[in-house]
């Protein structure tokens, strides 16, 4: 009797779960069928949704409901708290599966090569996001002594960082933030947050809705300098050809012409200011130096040679994420991605048998969460074609019980989809005690205890 095609997906964030969904909807669902195992280094699934989306974005977190439907499928299993390659390596996976898909995402900060970037008080946005999202592998405390803070970048992550820094802790009590994050934010001394972009309003990478949400807080006064509202031919063309860019620019224009209010925290959005140095004294951040830029006609900018120093005591770089290298897989350090052709991993220009990528490890950290569906469909189409043409490797141990036995023998305390439901119920119970929907559990050991089956 033919067995199902067995596929392992490393990474149980949206990209990996979308790939599982594409697999169980593909031609493989006929005879002999398909079975999918998702491996996740965290005890809980959902990746970026749980540990990369700001807690005050419940609309985006609502995507979890759709991901639940995929993980509920009988063809799909979850193995959480399993590290690649520490707990299970490439050779092990090939031993158990016909094909492997890597969807490990990107959770490290891109470098910003300016003087002073290593000063105390200079932070990567990814680290701060991990802290306020309750990632178990980062410190429980975050230094929030600065009264004036710079955020470098004009994307949605920069908005998230600036908004969390400018909001009061109690405004976030309606979310799932854990107690240590609430305590940390309650001690936050920031009263001014300055967001810097080297180009103009038409080139900002904000989503219109995320930008408008800045102005919803009763404690945040959003301020835009009218002198920063400027367009050239390239900028006008961008607005005409991109509805989202036009909406962002229109919102910024409206903010630039209104009178400033009296909300206690001020959040400034600066354009045409290129960060050139983080200023320090005694090893700590004491300021930021920017160069004023101007449009060159194409929508790009050039420096003017005019510099300004800003009085800030902390700086957060939000200039993009990058993926970590995956052992035993090829890696392009310039793009921080695995080389591929339509999702087939390439080694020395040739496809690596039965090995695929999807999501940000495939195309880099660009686009919204929903864009990973297209990545998954492309990758799975290649995998299915390779199966139909007999190009997949044959695993030595394809039995479904081989993997949990392997992990147990290695002493790996892995979690399951049933364990997630127990952890989910535990977090909701914690929340109910405080009159909240849920409170996220941070310590890995507590997550594992809550996930464990009753004895």
Protein backbone atom coordinates (compact mmCIF):
# COMPACT_ATOMS: atom_id res chain seq x y z
CA UNK A 1 0.00 0.00 0.00
CA UNK A 2 1.53 3.35 -0.98
CA UNK A 3 2.47 5.67 1.86
CA UNK A 4 1.83 9.43 1.96
CA UNK A 5 4.51 11.81 0.72
CA UNK A 6 6.14 13.08 3.91
CA UNK A 7 7.24 16.73 4.07
CA UNK A 8 9.04 18.52 6.91
CA UNK A 9 8.71 22.28 7.28
CA UNK A 10 11.28 24.00 9.50
CA UNK A 11 9.62 27.10 10.95
CA UNK A 12 5.98 27.27 12.07
CA UNK A 13 5.34 30.94 11.42
CA UNK A 14 2.89 32.18 8.78
CA UNK A 15 5.21 31.23 5.91
CA UNK A 16 5.58 27.64 7.09
CA UNK A 17 1.89 27.22 7.88
CA UNK A 18 0.89 28.67 4.50
CA UNK A 19 3.22 26.13 2.89
CA UNK A 20 1.50 23.34 4.85
CA UNK A 21 -1.86 24.64 3.64
CA UNK A 22 -0.66 24.68 0.03
CA UNK A 23 0.62 21.12 0.36
CA UNK A 24 -2.64 19.69 1.67
CA UNK A 25 -4.52 21.48 -1.11
CA UNK A 26 -2.12 20.31 -3.84
CA UNK A 27 -2.20 17.32 -6.17
CA UNK A 28 -0.58 15.34 -3.38
CA UNK A 29 -3.92 15.14 -1.58
CA UNK A 30 -4.94 12.31 -3.90
CA UNK A 31 -3.39 8.87 -3.81
CA UNK A 32 -1.06 8.43 -1.89
CA UNK A 33 -1.72 11.66 0.00
CA UNK A 34 0.61 13.92 1.97
CA UNK A 35 1.60 14.33 5.62
CA UNK A 36 3.28 17.48 6.93
CA UNK A 37 5.35 17.96 10.08
CA UNK A 38 6.15 21.49 11.22
CA UNK A 39 9.24 22.02 13.38
CA UNK A 40 9.41 25.19 15.47
CA UNK A 41 12.21 26.23 17.84
CA UNK A 42 9.74 28.03 20.11
CA UNK A 43 7.32 26.02 22.27
CA UNK A 44 4.43 27.87 20.56
CA UNK A 45 3.70 28.25 16.85
CA UNK A 46 2.93 31.38 14.76
CA UNK A 47 6.41 32.94 14.61
CA UNK A 48 6.20 36.57 13.51
CA UNK A 49 2.56 36.87 14.60
CA UNK A 50 3.43 35.97 18.20
CA UNK A 51 6.90 37.50 18.44
CA UNK A 52 7.13 40.19 15.75
CA UNK A 53 3.78 41.99 15.59
CA UNK A 54 3.18 44.78 18.09
CA UNK A 55 0.75 43.74 20.84
CA UNK A 56 -1.64 46.59 20.04
CA UNK A 57 -2.31 45.22 16.56
CA UNK A 58 -5.04 42.65 17.27
CA UNK A 59 -6.30 42.99 13.69
CA UNK A 60 -3.05 41.46 12.38
CA UNK A 61 -2.99 38.89 15.16
CA UNK A 62 -6.45 37.83 13.93
CA UNK A 63 -4.61 36.00 11.15
CA UNK A 64 -3.98 33.33 13.80
CA UNK A 65 -7.60 32.16 13.37
CA UNK A 66 -6.88 31.22 9.75
CA UNK A 67 -3.59 29.53 10.69
CA UNK A 68 -5.45 27.51 13.34
CA UNK A 69 -7.60 25.98 10.60
CA UNK A 70 -4.49 24.68 8.85
CA UNK A 71 -2.91 23.23 11.99
CA UNK A 72 -6.21 21.55 12.84
CA UNK A 73 -5.95 19.40 9.69
CA UNK A 74 -5.29 15.70 10.37
CA UNK A 75 -2.44 15.67 7.83
CA UNK A 76 -0.47 18.25 9.84
CA UNK A 77 1.58 17.79 13.02
CA UNK A 78 3.47 20.34 15.10
CA UNK A 79 6.75 19.70 16.91
CA UNK A 80 7.53 22.79 19.02
CA UNK A 81 10.61 23.54 21.12
CA UNK A 82 12.72 21.75 18.50
CA UNK A 83 15.83 23.56 17.30
CA UNK A 84 17.40 23.18 13.87
CA UNK A 85 20.15 21.98 13.80
CA UNK A 86 20.68 21.51 17.54
CA UNK A 87 17.89 18.99 18.06
CA UNK A 88 17.39 17.72 14.53
CA UNK A 89 19.82 18.27 11.65
CA UNK A 90 19.65 18.26 7.88
CA UNK A 91 20.74 14.64 7.54
CA UNK A 92 18.19 13.58 10.16
CA UNK A 93 15.39 15.33 8.31
CA UNK A 94 16.35 13.75 4.99
CA UNK A 95 16.32 10.40 6.78
CA UNK A 96 12.66 10.82 7.72
CA UNK A 97 11.14 12.91 4.93
CA UNK A 98 10.73 12.96 1.16
CA UNK A 99 11.15 16.74 1.07
CA UNK A 100 12.15 19.63 3.35
CA UNK A 101 10.92 23.23 3.28
CA UNK A 102 12.77 25.85 5.31
CA UNK A 103 10.69 28.84 6.42
CA UNK A 104 12.79 30.20 9.25
CA UNK A 105 12.05 33.87 8.59
CA UNK A 106 14.21 36.81 9.66
CA UNK A 107 14.53 38.08 13.22
CA UNK A 108 17.92 39.80 13.36
CA UNK A 109 18.58 43.49 12.70
CA UNK A 110 20.28 44.62 9.53
CA UNK A 111 23.51 46.47 10.13
CA UNK A 112 23.67 50.25 9.97
CA UNK A 113 27.25 51.30 9.36
CA UNK A 114 27.53 54.71 10.98
CA UNK A 115 29.85 55.88 13.77
CA UNK A 116 28.49 55.38 17.27
CA UNK A 117 26.22 52.46 16.42
CA UNK A 118 27.83 50.40 19.20
CA UNK A 119 27.29 52.93 21.99
CA UNK A 120 25.31 52.05 25.10
CA UNK A 121 21.80 53.27 24.34
CA UNK A 122 21.96 52.31 20.65
CA UNK A 123 19.59 49.43 19.98
CA UNK A 124 18.30 47.26 17.18
CA UNK A 125 14.55 47.39 16.69
CA UNK A 126 14.35 43.60 16.41
CA UNK A 127 15.72 43.19 19.93
CA UNK A 128 13.25 45.71 21.34
CA UNK A 129 10.36 44.05 19.49
CA UNK A 130 11.38 40.68 20.91
CA UNK A 131 11.38 42.19 24.40
CA UNK A 132 7.94 43.81 24.27
CA UNK A 133 6.50 40.76 22.52
CA UNK A 134 7.65 38.48 25.35
CA UNK A 135 10.21 36.37 23.51
CA UNK A 136 11.55 33.82 26.01
CA UNK A 137 15.15 34.01 24.79
CA UNK A 138 15.75 37.73 25.45
CA UNK A 139 16.34 39.55 28.77
CA UNK A 140 13.23 40.30 30.86
CA UNK A 141 14.22 43.94 31.42
CA UNK A 142 14.77 46.79 28.97
CA UNK A 143 16.49 50.13 29.80
CA UNK A 144 13.98 52.94 29.23
CA UNK A 145 15.67 55.88 30.96
CA UNK A 146 15.89 58.17 27.91
CA UNK A 147 13.51 61.15 27.81
CA UNK A 148 14.20 61.84 24.12
CA UNK A 149 14.57 58.94 21.71
CA UNK A 150 15.49 58.62 18.02
CA UNK A 151 14.06 55.91 15.76
CA UNK A 152 15.93 55.47 12.47
CA UNK A 153 13.77 54.24 9.60
CA UNK A 154 10.40 54.89 7.98
CA UNK A 155 8.78 51.46 7.78
CA UNK A 156 6.09 49.78 9.84
CA UNK A 157 8.59 48.41 12.37
CA UNK A 158 9.80 51.96 13.02
CA UNK A 159 6.18 53.00 13.61
CA UNK A 160 5.66 50.10 16.02
CA UNK A 161 8.79 50.93 17.99
CA UNK A 162 7.96 54.64 18.13
CA UNK A 163 4.35 54.00 19.16
CA UNK A 164 5.28 51.57 21.94
CA UNK A 165 7.89 54.02 23.24
CA UNK A 166 5.39 56.90 23.18
CA UNK A 167 2.36 55.14 24.66
CA UNK A 168 1.73 54.72 28.35
CA UNK A 169 1.97 51.25 29.84
CA UNK A 170 -1.66 51.24 30.91
CA UNK A 171 -2.81 51.86 27.34
CA UNK A 172 -1.39 48.44 26.53
CA UNK A 173 -3.15 46.60 29.36
CA UNK A 174 -5.94 45.71 26.93
CA UNK A 175 -3.37 43.61 25.02
CA UNK A 176 -1.56 40.39 25.90
CA UNK A 177 1.68 42.02 27.14
CA UNK A 178 3.27 40.03 29.98
CA UNK A 179 3.79 41.57 33.44
CA UNK A 180 7.52 42.22 32.97
CA UNK A 181 6.81 44.30 29.84
CA UNK A 182 4.10 46.30 31.58
CA UNK A 183 6.47 47.01 34.49
CA UNK A 184 9.21 48.07 32.09
CA UNK A 185 6.96 50.39 30.09
CA UNK A 186 5.52 51.88 33.28
CA UNK A 187 9.05 53.06 34.12
CA UNK A 188 9.61 54.47 30.60
CA UNK A 189 10.75 58.11 30.80
CA UNK A 190 10.36 58.97 27.10
CA UNK A 191 8.35 62.13 26.39
CA UNK A 192 9.70 62.80 22.89
CA UNK A 193 10.19 60.26 20.12
CA UNK A 194 11.77 61.38 16.84
CA UNK A 195 11.45 59.18 13.74
CA UNK A 196 13.97 59.93 10.97
CA UNK A 197 13.85 59.12 7.26
CA UNK A 198 16.44 60.19 4.71
CA UNK A 199 13.91 60.55 1.89
CA UNK A 200 10.55 62.28 1.58
CA UNK A 201 6.91 61.54 2.43
CA UNK A 202 6.23 59.86 -0.91
CA UNK A 203 9.02 57.35 -0.27
CA UNK A 204 7.99 56.36 3.27
CA UNK A 205 7.28 52.63 3.60
CA UNK A 206 4.47 52.97 6.12
CA UNK A 207 1.15 51.22 5.60
CA UNK A 208 -1.64 53.84 5.60
CA UNK A 209 -3.58 52.18 8.41
CA UNK A 210 -0.51 51.71 10.61
CA UNK A 211 0.41 55.36 10.10
CA UNK A 212 -3.07 56.63 11.00
CA UNK A 213 -3.07 54.48 14.16
CA UNK A 214 -0.28 56.68 15.56
CA UNK A 215 -2.83 59.44 16.02
CA UNK A 216 -5.37 57.29 17.88
CA UNK A 217 -3.61 57.36 21.23
CA UNK A 218 -4.90 60.01 23.67
CA UNK A 219 -1.34 60.47 24.95
CA UNK A 220 0.58 60.88 21.65
CA UNK A 221 0.79 64.16 19.72
CA UNK A 222 2.03 63.39 16.19
CA UNK A 223 3.95 66.28 14.64
CA UNK A 224 5.16 66.76 11.05
CA UNK A 225 7.20 69.78 9.94
CA UNK A 226 5.54 71.53 6.95
CA UNK A 227 9.02 72.01 5.45
CA UNK A 228 9.29 68.23 5.12
CA UNK A 229 6.30 68.05 2.78
CA UNK A 230 8.04 68.22 -0.57
CA UNK A 231 7.78 66.33 -3.86
CA UNK A 232 9.67 66.17 -7.13
CA UNK A 233 8.64 64.57 -10.43
CA UNK A 234 9.64 61.13 -9.23
CA UNK A 235 7.66 61.55 -6.02
CA UNK A 236 4.57 62.72 -7.90
CA UNK A 237 4.85 59.70 -10.19
CA UNK A 238 5.09 57.44 -7.15
CA UNK A 239 1.92 58.92 -5.69
CA UNK A 240 0.05 58.57 -8.96
CA UNK A 241 1.11 54.95 -9.40
CA UNK A 242 0.83 53.73 -5.83
CA UNK A 243 -2.42 54.25 -3.93
CA UNK A 244 -0.86 53.40 -0.58
CA UNK A 245 1.99 55.88 -1.05
CA UNK A 246 -0.56 58.54 -1.98
CA UNK A 247 -2.63 57.82 1.15
CA UNK A 248 0.47 58.00 3.37
CA UNK A 249 1.55 61.31 1.84
CA UNK A 250 -1.96 62.75 2.22
CA UNK A 251 -2.06 61.79 5.92
CA UNK A 252 1.33 63.40 6.51
CA UNK A 253 0.20 66.56 4.71
CA UNK A 254 -2.85 66.84 6.96
CA UNK A 255 -0.73 66.47 10.08
CA UNK A 256 1.75 69.07 8.83
CA UNK A 257 -0.87 71.83 8.50
CA UNK A 258 -2.74 71.33 11.76
CA UNK A 259 -2.00 73.08 15.02
CA UNK A 260 -0.14 71.02 17.61
CA UNK A 261 -2.26 69.83 20.52
CA UNK A 262 -1.37 69.29 24.14
CA UNK A 263 -1.09 65.51 24.47
CA UNK A 264 1.76 64.74 26.88
CA UNK A 265 3.99 62.65 24.59
CA UNK A 266 5.27 64.07 21.31
CA UNK A 267 6.12 61.89 18.32
CA UNK A 268 7.91 63.74 15.52
CA UNK A 269 8.10 62.34 11.98
CA UNK A 270 11.15 63.86 10.24
CA UNK A 271 11.89 63.51 6.53
CA UNK A 272 14.96 64.49 4.49
CA UNK A 273 17.19 63.82 7.50
CA UNK A 274 19.84 61.16 6.91
CA UNK A 275 21.48 59.78 10.09
CA UNK A 276 25.26 60.02 9.76
CA UNK A 277 26.47 59.52 13.35
CA UNK A 278 25.22 58.57 16.77
CA UNK A 279 26.94 60.93 19.18
CA UNK A 280 28.35 59.65 22.43
CA UNK A 281 30.03 60.64 25.66
CA UNK A 282 31.49 58.24 28.21
CA UNK A 283 30.34 55.35 26.03
CA UNK A 284 26.66 56.38 26.01
CA UNK A 285 24.36 57.93 23.42
CA UNK A 286 23.99 61.70 23.90
CA UNK A 287 22.75 62.74 20.47
CA UNK A 288 22.17 62.03 16.80
CA UNK A 289 23.73 63.87 13.86
CA UNK A 290 21.81 64.00 10.58
CA UNK A 291 22.54 65.47 7.17
CA UNK A 292 19.75 67.35 5.47
CA UNK A 293 18.94 65.83 2.07
CA UNK A 294 17.02 67.08 -0.95
CA UNK A 295 15.19 65.45 -3.83
CA UNK A 296 17.09 64.99 -7.09
CA UNK A 297 14.06 64.85 -9.43
CA UNK A 298 13.80 61.07 -9.55
CA UNK A 299 12.42 60.54 -6.05
CA UNK A 300 15.88 59.84 -4.69
CA UNK A 301 17.84 62.26 -2.53
CA UNK A 302 21.31 63.73 -2.31
CA UNK A 303 23.08 65.24 0.67
CA UNK A 304 23.20 69.01 1.08
CA UNK A 305 26.21 69.22 3.38
CA UNK A 306 24.05 70.78 6.10
CA UNK A 307 24.14 68.91 9.41
CA UNK A 308 22.09 69.06 12.57
CA UNK A 309 22.61 67.54 16.01
CA UNK A 310 19.58 66.26 17.87
CA UNK A 311 19.44 65.97 21.66
CA UNK A 312 18.49 62.31 22.25
CA UNK A 313 19.68 59.75 24.79
CA UNK A 314 18.78 56.57 22.92
CA UNK A 315 18.62 55.48 19.27
CA UNK A 316 16.75 52.53 17.75
CA UNK A 317 17.65 51.42 14.25
CA UNK A 318 14.66 50.06 12.34
CA UNK A 319 16.32 49.66 8.96
CA UNK A 320 15.19 46.12 8.21
CA UNK A 321 15.59 42.53 9.34
CA UNK A 322 17.94 39.86 8.11
CA UNK A 323 17.85 36.06 8.28
CA UNK A 324 20.42 33.95 10.07
CA UNK A 325 22.48 31.43 8.12
CA UNK A 326 21.16 27.86 8.23
CA UNK A 327 23.89 25.27 8.82
CA UNK A 328 24.51 22.90 5.89
CA UNK A 329 22.50 25.07 3.49
CA UNK A 330 23.96 27.57 1.02
CA UNK A 331 23.62 31.20 2.08
CA UNK A 332 24.06 34.56 0.38
CA UNK A 333 25.41 36.97 3.04
CA UNK A 334 24.64 40.04 0.92
CA UNK A 335 20.91 39.36 0.75
CA UNK A 336 20.81 37.16 3.88
CA UNK A 337 18.77 34.60 1.96
CA UNK A 338 19.19 31.02 0.76
CA UNK A 339 19.92 30.95 -2.98
CA UNK A 340 17.01 29.38 -4.82
CA UNK A 341 15.13 29.12 -8.08
CA UNK A 342 11.38 29.45 -7.55
CA UNK A 343 11.87 27.96 -4.07
CA UNK A 344 14.27 25.13 -5.04
CA UNK A 345 17.45 25.56 -2.99
CA UNK A 346 20.50 26.01 -5.22
CA UNK A 347 23.96 24.76 -4.35
CA UNK A 348 26.65 25.89 -6.81
CA UNK A 349 23.84 26.82 -9.21
CA UNK A 350 22.17 23.41 -9.22
CA UNK A 351 19.03 22.39 -7.29
CA UNK A 352 19.68 20.66 -3.98
CA UNK A 353 17.55 17.52 -4.03
CA UNK A 354 14.31 17.62 -2.04
CA UNK A 355 15.19 20.92 -0.34
CA UNK A 356 13.14 24.10 -0.64
CA UNK A 357 12.63 27.52 0.96
CA UNK A 358 9.72 29.89 1.44
CA UNK A 359 9.03 33.21 3.17
CA UNK A 360 11.68 35.71 4.24
CA UNK A 361 14.56 33.22 4.17
CA UNK A 362 13.65 32.88 0.48
CA UNK A 363 13.00 36.47 -0.64
CA UNK A 364 14.16 38.69 2.20
CA UNK A 365 12.11 40.57 4.81
CA UNK A 366 9.87 42.59 2.52
CA UNK A 367 6.12 42.72 2.10
CA UNK A 368 3.26 42.01 4.44
CA UNK A 369 2.38 38.71 6.11
CA UNK A 370 -0.14 37.81 3.42
CA UNK A 371 2.50 38.03 0.71
CA UNK A 372 4.03 34.80 1.97
CA UNK A 373 1.06 32.90 0.52
CA UNK A 374 2.38 33.51 -2.98
CA UNK A 375 5.85 32.34 -1.91
CA UNK A 376 4.37 29.17 -0.46
CA UNK A 377 2.32 28.39 -3.56
CA UNK A 378 5.34 28.81 -5.84
CA UNK A 379 7.57 26.64 -3.65
CA UNK A 380 4.98 23.90 -3.21
CA UNK A 381 4.29 23.83 -6.95
CA UNK A 382 7.98 23.04 -7.50
CA UNK A 383 7.94 20.36 -4.81
CA UNK A 384 4.86 18.71 -6.31
CA UNK A 385 6.38 18.81 -9.80
CA UNK A 386 9.58 17.22 -8.50
CA UNK A 387 7.54 14.45 -6.85
CA UNK A 388 5.53 13.75 -9.98
CA UNK A 389 8.74 13.58 -12.02
CA UNK A 390 10.45 11.27 -9.51
CA UNK A 391 13.13 13.73 -8.39
CA UNK A 392 12.54 13.56 -4.62
CA UNK A 393 14.88 11.60 -2.40
CA UNK A 394 13.54 8.45 -0.77
CA UNK A 395 13.79 8.66 3.05
CA UNK A 396 15.36 5.74 4.92
CA UNK A 397 12.78 5.89 7.75
CA UNK A 398 9.48 7.32 6.48
CA UNK A 399 7.28 5.94 9.27
CA UNK A 400 5.29 8.62 11.08
CA UNK A 401 6.31 7.42 14.54
CA UNK A 402 10.05 7.60 13.70
CA UNK A 403 10.31 11.34 14.38
CA UNK A 404 8.76 11.53 17.85
CA UNK A 405 10.79 8.46 18.81
CA UNK A 406 13.97 10.14 17.54
CA UNK A 407 13.25 13.34 19.48
CA UNK A 408 12.34 11.48 22.65
CA UNK A 409 15.51 9.38 22.45
CA UNK A 410 17.52 12.61 22.11
CA UNK A 411 15.88 14.00 25.25
CA UNK A 412 14.04 16.78 23.41
CA UNK A 413 11.03 18.07 25.37
CA UNK A 414 8.91 18.85 22.33
CA UNK A 415 5.46 20.39 22.31
CA UNK A 416 2.54 19.51 20.04
CA UNK A 417 -0.54 21.15 18.57
CA UNK A 418 -2.55 19.76 21.47
CA UNK A 419 0.04 21.32 23.77
CA UNK A 420 -0.52 24.70 22.13
CA UNK A 421 -4.22 24.46 23.00
CA UNK A 422 -3.27 23.83 26.64
CA UNK A 423 -0.85 26.80 26.62
CA UNK A 424 -3.49 28.96 24.93
CA UNK A 425 -6.03 28.05 27.63
CA UNK A 426 -3.45 28.77 30.34
CA UNK A 427 -2.70 32.24 28.94
CA UNK A 428 -6.42 33.02 28.70
CA UNK A 429 -6.90 31.90 32.30
CA UNK A 430 -4.08 34.19 33.42
CA UNK A 431 -5.75 37.03 31.55
CA UNK A 432 -9.17 36.33 33.05
CA UNK A 433 -7.73 36.75 36.54
CA UNK A 434 -6.71 40.30 35.60
CA UNK A 435 -9.81 41.14 33.58
CA UNK A 436 -7.91 40.79 30.29
CA UNK A 437 -8.35 38.50 27.31
CA UNK A 438 -4.99 36.81 27.81
CA UNK A 439 -1.52 37.35 29.26
CA UNK A 440 1.39 35.96 27.29
CA UNK A 441 3.68 33.54 29.11
CA UNK A 442 7.35 34.43 28.69
CA UNK A 443 9.61 31.86 30.40
CA UNK A 444 10.25 28.85 28.18
CA UNK A 445 10.03 26.47 31.15
CA UNK A 446 6.58 27.80 32.06
CA UNK A 447 5.45 27.49 28.44
CA UNK A 448 6.57 23.87 28.45
CA UNK A 449 4.81 23.13 31.74
CA UNK A 450 1.57 24.68 30.48
CA UNK A 451 1.84 22.74 27.20
CA UNK A 452 2.47 19.37 28.83
CA UNK A 453 -0.25 16.73 28.84
CA UNK A 454 -1.84 16.06 32.26
CA UNK A 455 -0.38 13.03 34.00
